[in-house]
């Protein structure tokens, strides 16, 4: 178990990495700057005015934040990008806000999840980008973020993801120059990804380094300190005085984003955290397994970095519902039906912010609101990890399989998956439920991946375990500043006074 307060540092490798960053004009932002862009050097902001949001440019590291202006080039910073869903769409009284991942570099907030592990290794001298390849095990978006950040460094990224993921993901990875390894299966075949990583680290040794989002605590460290604060800002700025921070709903995935809910619960202890999965693979709900089509949310195991003690509610989402909502939200016929049922045109025009997993999160947020009977004073927040940009091929596949989408089908989807959201396959968690879900980690992480039962027990019983990890941001930022000083880049970009 790494000492999070005093992690090991290899000075020789760190100097090599700093020299490379100097050569490539790379300045690394702190977590504090990404949470509070007003602290970013003015010279960086001046340069960003000429840089596209998806450009492979090192200054885009300073766009690994929820506060980018929603434009493709030259944007700086503003309010947190979040979409409010009206009751005419959700059918519940509570306010539901969806954090929008579209305006991150790569169009997905997973570039932040990959930022943490990569920067941690660089600033500690645990990764030599001049000779080592970076392995990014993922179900799609995390390896895209990793490939983007690797390209900034000029090091070789290896994206490891299931063969059944959307074609757009593979096309994007190929275009950015990533090596691609497609493992057997689809979204829920995470073990096959881990097996390939273990094979490569065994056969290639020091030539590769694995940056595993499911067990690396600098993934949720970014979310706790950046996403969590962004959620809080949405609540404080967009809800009227006297409102309640009632709930956060997120599909489990790698569990990185769930650390943002830990931040919210730390500051608003009465809030309820709902965690989602696919009903076709009900791991949390009933120790189940299976395959599903909600890309990006993992399954068949509980991530090492998931703090189960904070989970209040579990909802298994039918992948058919998430896919049908995608069709309803993203087609002219579907949008016509939405307008007919009173959804404002302004909201309809922004539904492209939601990918398939975003639709699943919306369904889960509705279930959370219904279960706890939240009212007009209550705020519920969820996340659209990516946008519809990565899923057009899925709609094309549906058209080929089922024929063109019709108004009658859209009406059926409205009544079944919007007005008919049910409370089936849900669970309000008892202490025993939380402990059962936590214990599932043993089979993946202790039996298969080499973690210790002592640390597993510490996750459950040590009050300081999670606190120390979520609050390691101060030490992380100190290492970043020391690294920028070592590279000499800090002299060119003085921080605002």
Protein backbone atom coordinates (compact mmCIF):
# COMPACT_ATOMS: atom_id res chain seq x y z
CA UNK A 1 0.00 0.00 0.00
CA UNK A 2 1.53 3.33 -1.12
CA UNK A 3 1.99 5.92 1.60
CA UNK A 4 -0.31 8.65 0.24
CA UNK A 5 1.31 11.26 2.47
CA UNK A 6 4.91 10.44 1.45
CA UNK A 7 4.84 8.47 -1.84
CA UNK A 8 8.13 7.23 -3.32
CA UNK A 9 10.00 9.57 -5.69
CA UNK A 10 12.68 8.54 -8.22
CA UNK A 11 14.74 11.71 -8.66
CA UNK A 12 16.71 10.46 -11.67
CA UNK A 13 13.61 9.61 -13.71
CA UNK A 14 11.81 12.75 -12.55
CA UNK A 15 14.62 14.91 -13.93
CA UNK A 16 14.40 13.11 -17.29
CA UNK A 17 10.65 13.69 -17.41
CA UNK A 18 11.09 17.36 -16.46
CA UNK A 19 13.66 17.82 -19.22
CA UNK A 20 11.23 16.33 -21.74
CA UNK A 21 8.46 18.65 -20.56
CA UNK A 22 10.79 21.62 -21.00
CA UNK A 23 11.58 20.51 -24.56
CA UNK A 24 7.89 20.10 -25.37
CA UNK A 25 6.84 23.34 -23.66
CA UNK A 26 4.65 21.52 -21.14
CA UNK A 27 3.46 23.30 -18.02
CA UNK A 28 1.34 21.13 -15.72
CA UNK A 29 -1.65 22.65 -13.91
CA UNK A 30 -2.46 21.97 -10.29
CA UNK A 31 -5.76 20.49 -9.15
CA UNK A 32 -6.46 23.81 -7.46
CA UNK A 33 -6.12 25.64 -10.78
CA UNK A 34 -8.41 23.18 -12.55
CA UNK A 35 -11.02 23.66 -9.83
CA UNK A 36 -10.52 27.43 -9.81
CA UNK A 37 -9.43 28.61 -13.30
CA UNK A 38 -9.11 32.19 -12.08
CA UNK A 39 -5.79 31.01 -10.58
CA UNK A 40 -4.41 29.97 -13.98
CA UNK A 41 -1.53 32.18 -15.26
CA UNK A 42 -2.70 34.96 -17.59
CA UNK A 43 -0.08 33.97 -20.17
CA UNK A 44 -1.68 30.51 -20.40
CA UNK A 45 -5.09 32.12 -20.96
CA UNK A 46 -3.67 34.36 -23.67
CA UNK A 47 -2.29 31.32 -25.50
CA UNK A 48 -5.56 29.39 -25.14
CA UNK A 49 -7.33 32.10 -27.15
CA UNK A 50 -5.66 30.67 -30.26
CA UNK A 51 -6.04 26.96 -29.46
CA UNK A 52 -8.88 24.59 -30.37
CA UNK A 53 -10.58 22.62 -27.62
CA UNK A 54 -9.48 19.26 -29.05
CA UNK A 55 -6.07 20.36 -30.36
CA UNK A 56 -3.15 18.23 -29.22
CA UNK A 57 -1.51 21.18 -27.55
CA UNK A 58 0.05 21.14 -24.06
CA UNK A 59 -1.90 24.23 -22.99
CA UNK A 60 -5.06 22.15 -23.23
CA UNK A 61 -4.01 20.54 -19.97
CA UNK A 62 -5.45 23.72 -18.48
CA UNK A 63 -8.81 22.82 -20.03
CA UNK A 64 -9.15 19.67 -17.94
CA UNK A 65 -11.92 21.46 -16.06
CA UNK A 66 -15.72 21.68 -16.02
CA UNK A 67 -15.57 25.44 -16.57
CA UNK A 68 -14.47 25.70 -20.20
CA UNK A 69 -16.50 28.08 -22.31
CA UNK A 70 -18.70 25.97 -24.62
CA UNK A 71 -16.95 26.72 -27.90
CA UNK A 72 -14.65 24.76 -30.16
CA UNK A 73 -11.75 27.23 -30.32
CA UNK A 74 -10.36 30.08 -28.28
CA UNK A 75 -12.64 29.72 -25.31
CA UNK A 76 -11.51 30.51 -21.80
CA UNK A 77 -13.53 29.92 -18.63
CA UNK A 78 -17.00 30.61 -17.30
CA UNK A 79 -19.67 28.86 -15.28
CA UNK A 80 -19.73 25.09 -14.81
CA UNK A 81 -21.21 23.44 -17.91
CA UNK A 82 -24.43 21.85 -16.70
CA UNK A 83 -27.85 21.24 -18.22
CA UNK A 84 -31.00 21.64 -16.12
CA UNK A 85 -33.69 19.13 -17.05
CA UNK A 86 -37.24 20.45 -16.61
CA UNK A 87 -39.98 18.48 -14.86
CA UNK A 88 -41.78 18.23 -18.21
CA UNK A 89 -38.98 15.86 -19.25
CA UNK A 90 -38.14 14.09 -15.99
CA UNK A 91 -41.62 13.80 -14.48
CA UNK A 92 -40.29 14.58 -10.97
CA UNK A 93 -40.52 17.73 -8.85
CA UNK A 94 -36.85 17.96 -7.93
CA UNK A 95 -34.37 19.90 -10.04
CA UNK A 96 -32.06 17.57 -11.95
CA UNK A 97 -28.81 19.00 -13.31
CA UNK A 98 -26.56 17.09 -15.72
CA UNK A 99 -22.88 18.04 -15.69
CA UNK A 100 -21.76 18.24 -19.33
CA UNK A 101 -18.55 16.45 -20.36
CA UNK A 102 -18.67 17.56 -24.00
CA UNK A 103 -16.50 20.64 -23.48
CA UNK A 104 -13.45 18.85 -22.17
CA UNK A 105 -10.58 18.10 -24.56
CA UNK A 106 -11.60 14.85 -26.35
CA UNK A 107 -15.25 15.71 -25.59
CA UNK A 108 -15.27 13.62 -22.43
CA UNK A 109 -14.48 14.28 -18.78
CA UNK A 110 -12.39 11.10 -18.61
CA UNK A 111 -9.46 13.21 -19.72
CA UNK A 112 -9.49 14.38 -16.10
CA UNK A 113 -9.56 10.85 -14.73
CA UNK A 114 -6.46 10.05 -16.80
CA UNK A 115 -4.78 13.34 -15.85
CA UNK A 116 -4.44 12.25 -12.23
CA UNK A 117 -2.54 8.96 -12.72
CA UNK A 118 -0.29 10.32 -15.48
CA UNK A 119 0.70 13.51 -13.66
CA UNK A 120 1.20 11.59 -10.43
CA UNK A 121 3.69 9.22 -12.09
CA UNK A 122 5.52 12.02 -13.92
CA UNK A 123 5.94 14.21 -10.87
CA UNK A 124 7.15 11.29 -8.75
CA UNK A 125 9.57 9.94 -11.34
CA UNK A 126 7.63 6.70 -11.62
CA UNK A 127 7.12 7.01 -15.40
CA UNK A 128 9.81 7.67 -18.00
CA UNK A 129 7.96 8.88 -21.10
CA UNK A 130 11.16 8.73 -23.15
CA UNK A 131 11.29 4.94 -23.05
CA UNK A 132 8.06 3.59 -21.53
CA UNK A 133 4.64 3.04 -23.08
CA UNK A 134 1.57 4.04 -21.08
CA UNK A 135 -1.09 1.32 -20.83
CA UNK A 136 -4.66 2.64 -20.52
CA UNK A 137 -7.13 -0.16 -19.64
CA UNK A 138 -10.62 1.10 -20.34
CA UNK A 139 -14.11 0.51 -21.68
CA UNK A 140 -13.65 3.41 -24.07
CA UNK A 141 -13.41 6.96 -22.78
CA UNK A 142 -10.62 6.64 -20.23
CA UNK A 143 -8.20 5.32 -22.83
CA UNK A 144 -9.19 8.23 -25.10
CA UNK A 145 -8.26 10.65 -22.33
CA UNK A 146 -5.06 8.75 -21.70
CA UNK A 147 -4.15 8.73 -25.39
CA UNK A 148 -4.72 12.49 -25.57
CA UNK A 149 -2.57 13.24 -22.53
CA UNK A 150 0.11 10.83 -23.79
CA UNK A 151 0.15 12.59 -27.17
CA UNK A 152 0.90 15.86 -25.42
CA UNK A 153 4.02 14.24 -23.98
CA UNK A 154 4.98 12.56 -27.20
CA UNK A 155 4.96 9.14 -25.56
CA UNK A 156 3.29 6.03 -26.90
CA UNK A 157 -0.15 5.25 -25.54
CA UNK A 158 -1.60 1.75 -25.62
CA UNK A 159 -5.39 1.78 -25.48
CA UNK A 160 -6.82 -1.51 -24.19
CA UNK A 161 -10.59 -1.77 -24.63
CA UNK A 162 -13.28 -4.32 -25.53
CA UNK A 163 -13.75 -5.09 -29.22
CA UNK A 164 -17.48 -4.43 -28.96
CA UNK A 165 -17.20 -0.72 -28.17
CA UNK A 166 -18.51 1.90 -30.63
CA UNK A 167 -16.61 2.38 -33.90
CA UNK A 168 -16.19 6.09 -33.18
CA UNK A 169 -13.91 5.26 -30.26
CA UNK A 170 -11.62 3.10 -32.36
CA UNK A 171 -11.52 5.70 -35.17
CA UNK A 172 -10.59 8.46 -32.73
CA UNK A 173 -7.81 6.40 -31.12
CA UNK A 174 -6.38 5.52 -34.52
CA UNK A 175 -6.39 9.17 -35.61
CA UNK A 176 -4.47 10.32 -32.53
CA UNK A 177 -1.81 7.65 -33.06
CA UNK A 178 -2.55 5.35 -30.16
CA UNK A 179 -1.68 1.68 -30.29
CA UNK A 180 -4.95 -0.24 -29.93
CA UNK A 181 -5.54 -3.64 -28.35
CA UNK A 182 -9.12 -4.89 -28.64
CA UNK A 183 -9.93 -7.50 -26.02
CA UNK A 184 -12.79 -10.04 -26.30
CA UNK A 185 -16.31 -9.00 -25.36
CA UNK A 186 -18.20 -5.79 -24.77
CA UNK A 187 -18.79 -3.25 -22.02
CA UNK A 188 -18.90 -5.62 -19.05
CA UNK A 189 -15.84 -7.68 -20.02
CA UNK A 190 -13.46 -5.78 -17.74
CA UNK A 191 -11.50 -8.81 -16.52
CA UNK A 192 -10.29 -9.46 -20.07
CA UNK A 193 -8.83 -5.94 -20.06
CA UNK A 194 -7.04 -6.59 -16.76
CA UNK A 195 -5.72 -9.91 -18.09
CA UNK A 196 -4.18 -8.18 -21.11
CA UNK A 197 -2.58 -5.52 -18.90
CA UNK A 198 -1.09 -8.19 -16.65
CA UNK A 199 0.21 -10.06 -19.68
CA UNK A 200 1.92 -6.95 -21.06
CA UNK A 201 3.45 -5.89 -17.75
CA UNK A 202 4.77 -9.45 -17.28
CA UNK A 203 6.19 -9.89 -20.78
CA UNK A 204 7.44 -6.34 -21.39
CA UNK A 205 8.49 -5.41 -17.87
CA UNK A 206 9.89 -1.87 -17.51
CA UNK A 207 9.00 -1.01 -21.11
CA UNK A 208 5.39 -0.33 -20.07
CA UNK A 209 3.54 1.19 -17.16
CA UNK A 210 -0.09 0.42 -16.34
CA UNK A 211 -2.33 3.33 -15.38
CA UNK A 212 -5.44 1.52 -14.18
CA UNK A 213 -8.40 3.80 -13.50
CA UNK A 214 -10.21 1.11 -11.49
CA UNK A 215 -7.59 0.99 -8.72
CA UNK A 216 -5.50 4.16 -9.04
CA UNK A 217 -6.54 6.68 -6.38
CA UNK A 218 -5.34 9.70 -8.34
CA UNK A 219 -8.31 9.12 -10.69
CA UNK A 220 -10.85 9.87 -7.91
CA UNK A 221 -8.47 12.44 -6.41
CA UNK A 222 -9.09 14.61 -9.49
CA UNK A 223 -12.83 14.05 -9.24
CA UNK A 224 -13.06 14.77 -5.51
CA UNK A 225 -11.24 18.07 -5.87
CA UNK A 226 -12.43 19.22 -9.31
CA UNK A 227 -15.74 17.51 -10.12
CA UNK A 228 -16.99 17.65 -6.53
CA UNK A 229 -16.38 21.39 -6.29
CA UNK A 230 -18.05 21.89 -9.68
CA UNK A 231 -21.15 20.05 -8.45
CA UNK A 232 -21.24 22.23 -5.36
CA UNK A 233 -20.99 25.34 -7.51
CA UNK A 234 -23.93 24.23 -9.67
CA UNK A 235 -26.02 23.83 -6.52
CA UNK A 236 -24.97 27.13 -4.99
CA UNK A 237 -25.36 29.24 -8.13
CA UNK A 238 -28.35 27.65 -9.84
CA UNK A 239 -30.65 26.75 -6.98
CA UNK A 240 -32.63 29.38 -5.05
CA UNK A 241 -31.95 30.23 -1.42
CA UNK A 242 -33.38 27.64 0.96
CA UNK A 243 -32.79 24.71 -1.41
CA UNK A 244 -31.37 21.36 -0.37
CA UNK A 245 -28.45 19.48 -1.89
CA UNK A 246 -30.50 16.29 -1.94
CA UNK A 247 -28.72 13.75 -4.08
CA UNK A 248 -26.13 12.69 -6.61
CA UNK A 249 -26.65 9.78 -8.98
CA UNK A 250 -23.82 8.19 -10.96
CA UNK A 251 -23.29 4.86 -12.65
CA UNK A 252 -20.43 3.02 -10.97
CA UNK A 253 -18.06 2.71 -13.94
CA UNK A 254 -14.50 2.92 -12.66
CA UNK A 255 -15.94 4.65 -9.54
CA UNK A 256 -13.70 7.68 -10.10
CA UNK A 257 -16.58 10.14 -10.50
CA UNK A 258 -18.18 8.73 -7.35
CA UNK A 259 -15.46 10.49 -5.37
CA UNK A 260 -17.15 13.77 -6.35
CA UNK A 261 -20.21 12.52 -4.46
CA UNK A 262 -17.93 11.80 -1.49
CA UNK A 263 -16.95 15.48 -1.61
CA UNK A 264 -20.62 16.49 -1.64
CA UNK A 265 -21.47 14.12 1.21
CA UNK A 266 -18.56 15.48 3.25
CA UNK A 267 -20.02 18.98 2.92
CA UNK A 268 -23.74 18.07 2.81
CA UNK A 269 -24.02 14.96 5.01
CA UNK A 270 -27.77 14.56 4.51
CA UNK A 271 -27.50 14.07 0.74
CA UNK A 272 -28.24 10.67 -0.79
CA UNK A 273 -25.80 8.97 -3.17
CA UNK A 274 -27.34 6.72 -5.78
CA UNK A 275 -25.14 4.32 -7.75
CA UNK A 276 -26.17 2.78 -11.05
CA UNK A 277 -25.37 -0.27 -13.14
CA UNK A 278 -27.05 -2.17 -15.97
CA UNK A 279 -29.91 -4.48 -15.01
CA UNK A 280 -28.38 -6.95 -17.47
CA UNK A 281 -25.30 -7.09 -15.22
CA UNK A 282 -26.57 -6.49 -11.64
CA UNK A 283 -23.29 -6.81 -9.77
CA UNK A 284 -24.11 -4.45 -6.91
CA UNK A 285 -27.77 -5.34 -6.68
CA UNK A 286 -27.47 -9.12 -6.58
CA UNK A 287 -23.83 -10.15 -7.17
CA UNK A 288 -24.81 -10.77 -10.79
CA UNK A 289 -23.07 -10.83 -14.15
CA UNK A 290 -23.92 -10.44 -17.82
CA UNK A 291 -23.44 -8.27 -20.91
CA UNK A 292 -25.01 -4.90 -21.66
CA UNK A 293 -24.95 -1.89 -24.01
CA UNK A 294 -24.46 1.10 -21.70
CA UNK A 295 -20.94 1.96 -22.84
CA UNK A 296 -18.58 3.38 -20.26
CA UNK A 297 -19.95 2.02 -16.98
CA UNK A 298 -17.94 -1.19 -16.57
CA UNK A 299 -19.34 -4.10 -14.52
CA UNK A 300 -18.86 -7.65 -13.18
CA UNK A 301 -16.71 -6.26 -10.40
CA UNK A 302 -16.54 -3.50 -7.79
CA UNK A 303 -13.65 -1.07 -8.40
CA UNK A 304 -10.97 -0.87 -5.72
CA UNK A 305 -11.47 2.91 -5.46
CA UNK A 306 -15.23 2.75 -4.72
CA UNK A 307 -16.08 3.85 -1.17
CA UNK A 308 -19.14 1.69 -0.52
CA UNK A 309 -19.75 3.16 2.91
CA UNK A 310 -21.23 6.25 1.27
CA UNK A 311 -23.64 4.43 -1.06
CA UNK A 312 -27.28 5.01 -0.08
CA UNK A 313 -29.19 3.68 -3.08
CA UNK A 314 -28.58 1.30 -6.00
CA UNK A 315 -30.54 1.31 -9.24
CA UNK A 316 -30.05 -1.14 -12.07
CA UNK A 317 -30.87 0.55 -15.38
CA UNK A 318 -32.25 -1.39 -18.34
CA UNK A 319 -29.83 -0.89 -21.23
CA UNK A 320 -32.84 -0.96 -23.55
CA UNK A 321 -34.12 2.14 -21.80
CA UNK A 322 -30.81 3.98 -22.18
CA UNK A 323 -30.55 3.06 -25.87
CA UNK A 324 -34.18 3.97 -26.61
CA UNK A 325 -33.83 7.31 -24.84
CA UNK A 326 -30.78 8.00 -26.99
CA UNK A 327 -32.90 7.38 -30.07
CA UNK A 328 -35.73 9.53 -28.68
CA UNK A 329 -33.39 12.39 -27.78
CA UNK A 330 -31.21 12.40 -30.90
CA UNK A 331 -33.57 11.93 -33.86
CA UNK A 332 -35.87 14.49 -35.53
CA UNK A 333 -38.85 12.19 -35.02
CA UNK A 334 -38.06 11.72 -31.33
CA UNK A 335 -37.55 15.44 -30.74
CA UNK A 336 -40.88 16.18 -32.40
CA UNK A 337 -42.55 13.91 -29.84
CA UNK A 338 -40.66 15.56 -26.97
CA UNK A 339 -41.89 18.97 -28.09
CA UNK A 340 -45.41 17.63 -28.36
CA UNK A 341 -45.26 16.52 -24.72
CA UNK A 342 -44.19 19.94 -23.48
CA UNK A 343 -40.41 19.67 -23.33
CA UNK A 344 -39.01 23.16 -24.10
CA UNK A 345 -37.21 23.58 -27.42
CA UNK A 346 -34.25 25.07 -25.55
CA UNK A 347 -33.83 21.78 -23.65
CA UNK A 348 -34.35 19.63 -26.74
CA UNK A 349 -31.61 21.52 -28.59
CA UNK A 350 -29.13 20.57 -25.85
CA UNK A 351 -29.93 16.85 -25.56
CA UNK A 352 -26.97 16.11 -27.81
CA UNK A 353 -24.91 16.62 -24.66
CA UNK A 354 -26.05 13.15 -23.52
CA UNK A 355 -24.39 9.94 -24.64
CA UNK A 356 -25.82 6.52 -23.80
CA UNK A 357 -24.37 6.48 -20.28
CA UNK A 358 -25.67 10.02 -19.78
CA UNK A 359 -29.18 8.76 -20.55
CA UNK A 360 -28.67 5.94 -18.04
CA UNK A 361 -27.60 8.48 -15.40
CA UNK A 362 -30.71 10.58 -16.08
CA UNK A 363 -32.92 7.51 -15.59
CA UNK A 364 -31.10 6.79 -12.34
CA UNK A 365 -31.48 10.37 -11.11
CA UNK A 366 -35.23 10.12 -11.76
CA UNK A 367 -35.39 6.87 -9.79
CA UNK A 368 -33.43 8.43 -6.91
CA UNK A 369 -35.81 11.40 -6.85
CA UNK A 370 -38.87 9.18 -6.89
CA UNK A 371 -37.61 6.83 -4.20
CA UNK A 372 -36.80 9.56 -1.68
CA UNK A 373 -39.78 11.70 -2.74
CA UNK A 374 -37.68 14.79 -3.39
CA UNK A 375 -39.61 18.00 -4.03
CA UNK A 376 -39.12 21.45 -5.61
CA UNK A 377 -36.56 22.46 -2.98
CA UNK A 378 -34.31 19.52 -3.78
CA UNK A 379 -31.32 19.45 -6.14
CA UNK A 380 -30.10 16.22 -7.75
CA UNK A 381 -26.93 16.18 -9.83
CA UNK A 382 -25.68 13.63 -12.32
CA UNK A 383 -23.12 13.56 -15.16
CA UNK A 384 -23.03 13.14 -18.93
CA UNK A 385 -19.54 11.71 -19.29
CA UNK A 386 -19.55 12.24 -23.04
CA UNK A 387 -21.95 13.46 -25.70
CA UNK A 388 -23.82 11.86 -28.58
CA UNK A 389 -20.78 12.48 -30.82
CA UNK A 390 -19.45 9.00 -29.97
CA UNK A 391 -22.67 7.10 -30.73
CA UNK A 392 -24.06 7.92 -34.19
CA UNK A 393 -23.02 4.45 -35.35
CA UNK A 394 -25.27 2.95 -32.67
CA UNK A 395 -28.30 4.72 -34.14
CA UNK A 396 -27.30 3.55 -37.61
CA UNK A 397 -27.16 -0.02 -36.30
CA UNK A 398 -30.67 0.34 -34.81
CA UNK A 399 -32.03 1.63 -38.12
CA UNK A 400 -30.53 -1.35 -39.94
CA UNK A 401 -31.90 -3.81 -37.38
CA UNK A 402 -35.34 -2.34 -36.66
CA UNK A 403 -35.99 -0.02 -39.57
CA UNK A 404 -36.35 3.77 -39.51
CA UNK A 405 -37.56 5.32 -36.26
CA UNK A 406 -41.24 6.23 -36.41
CA UNK A 407 -43.41 8.65 -34.46
CA UNK A 408 -45.36 5.72 -33.04
CA UNK A 409 -42.15 4.14 -31.71
CA UNK A 410 -41.11 7.49 -30.26
CA UNK A 411 -44.46 7.82 -28.48
CA UNK A 412 -44.05 4.32 -27.05
CA UNK A 413 -40.55 5.17 -25.82
CA UNK A 414 -41.85 8.36 -24.20
CA UNK A 415 -44.57 6.62 -22.27
CA UNK A 416 -42.47 3.60 -21.28
CA UNK A 417 -39.10 5.15 -20.51
CA UNK A 418 -40.03 8.70 -19.43
CA UNK A 419 -43.51 8.68 -17.95
CA UNK A 420 -43.22 5.01 -17.05
CA UNK A 421 -39.95 5.09 -15.07
CA UNK A 422 -40.49 2.41 -12.44
CA UNK A 423 -38.83 1.57 -9.15
CA UNK A 424 -38.05 -2.00 -10.14
CA UNK A 425 -34.49 -3.20 -9.59
CA UNK A 426 -33.68 -0.62 -6.93
CA UNK A 427 -32.44 -0.91 -3.35
CA UNK A 428 -32.09 1.51 -0.47
CA UNK A 429 -28.92 0.32 1.21
CA UNK A 430 -28.65 -0.99 4.73
CA UNK A 431 -25.33 -1.31 6.53
CA UNK A 432 -25.29 -4.99 5.60
CA UNK A 433 -25.93 -4.17 1.92
CA UNK A 434 -22.96 -1.81 1.87
CA UNK A 435 -20.71 -4.38 3.50
CA UNK A 436 -21.82 -7.11 1.07
CA UNK A 437 -20.99 -4.89 -1.92
CA UNK A 438 -17.65 -3.94 -0.38
CA UNK A 439 -16.78 -7.60 0.17
CA UNK A 440 -17.19 -8.26 -3.57
CA UNK A 441 -13.89 -6.47 -4.05
CA UNK A 442 -12.11 -9.48 -2.58
CA UNK A 443 -12.70 -11.72 -5.57
CA UNK A 444 -11.38 -9.29 -8.17
CA UNK A 445 -8.69 -7.43 -6.30
CA UNK A 446 -7.26 -9.79 -3.68
CA UNK A 447 -7.71 -13.12 -5.47
CA UNK A 448 -6.91 -11.88 -8.99
CA UNK A 449 -5.04 -8.56 -8.92
CA UNK A 450 -2.67 -8.86 -5.98
CA UNK A 451 -4.17 -6.44 -3.48
CA UNK A 452 -4.09 -7.38 0.21
CA UNK A 453 -6.95 -8.33 2.48
CA UNK A 454 -5.41 -6.01 5.10
CA UNK A 455 -5.98 -2.99 2.88
CA UNK A 456 -9.44 -4.24 1.94
CA UNK A 457 -10.30 -4.35 5.63
CA UNK A 458 -8.79 -0.90 6.14
CA UNK A 459 -11.10 0.49 3.45
CA UNK A 460 -14.04 -0.65 5.53
CA UNK A 461 -12.92 -0.03 9.10
CA UNK A 462 -10.23 2.68 9.08
CA UNK A 463 -11.84 6.12 9.41
CA UNK A 464 -8.76 7.81 7.95
CA UNK A 465 -8.39 5.58 4.87
CA UNK A 466 -10.69 7.49 2.51
CA UNK A 467 -10.12 10.91 4.10
CA UNK A 468 -6.37 10.68 3.54
CA UNK A 469 -6.80 9.76 -0.11
CA UNK A 470 -9.40 12.38 -0.95
CA UNK A 471 -7.36 15.09 0.75
CA UNK A 472 -4.02 14.20 -0.84
CA UNK A 473 -4.54 17.13 -3.24
CA UNK A 474 -2.27 19.46 -1.29
CA UNK A 475 0.71 17.11 -1.59
CA UNK A 476 -0.20 16.39 -5.25
CA UNK A 477 -0.18 20.10 -6.08
CA UNK A 478 3.09 20.63 -4.23
CA UNK A 479 4.69 17.95 -6.42
CA UNK A 480 3.28 19.59 -9.55
CA UNK A 481 4.75 22.98 -8.58
CA UNK A 482 8.11 21.39 -7.75
CA UNK A 483 8.10 19.58 -11.10
CA UNK A 484 7.31 22.79 -13.03
CA UNK A 485 10.17 24.47 -11.17
CA UNK A 486 12.48 21.56 -12.06
CA UNK A 487 11.55 21.85 -15.73
CA UNK A 488 11.95 25.64 -15.59
CA UNK A 489 8.49 26.18 -17.06
CA UNK A 490 7.25 28.04 -13.99
CA UNK A 491 9.48 31.02 -14.79
CA UNK A 492 7.67 31.65 -18.07
CA UNK A 493 4.18 31.45 -16.58
CA UNK A 494 3.93 33.36 -13.31
CA UNK A 495 0.78 32.70 -11.30
CA UNK A 496 -1.70 35.55 -10.77
CA UNK A 497 -1.12 37.63 -7.65
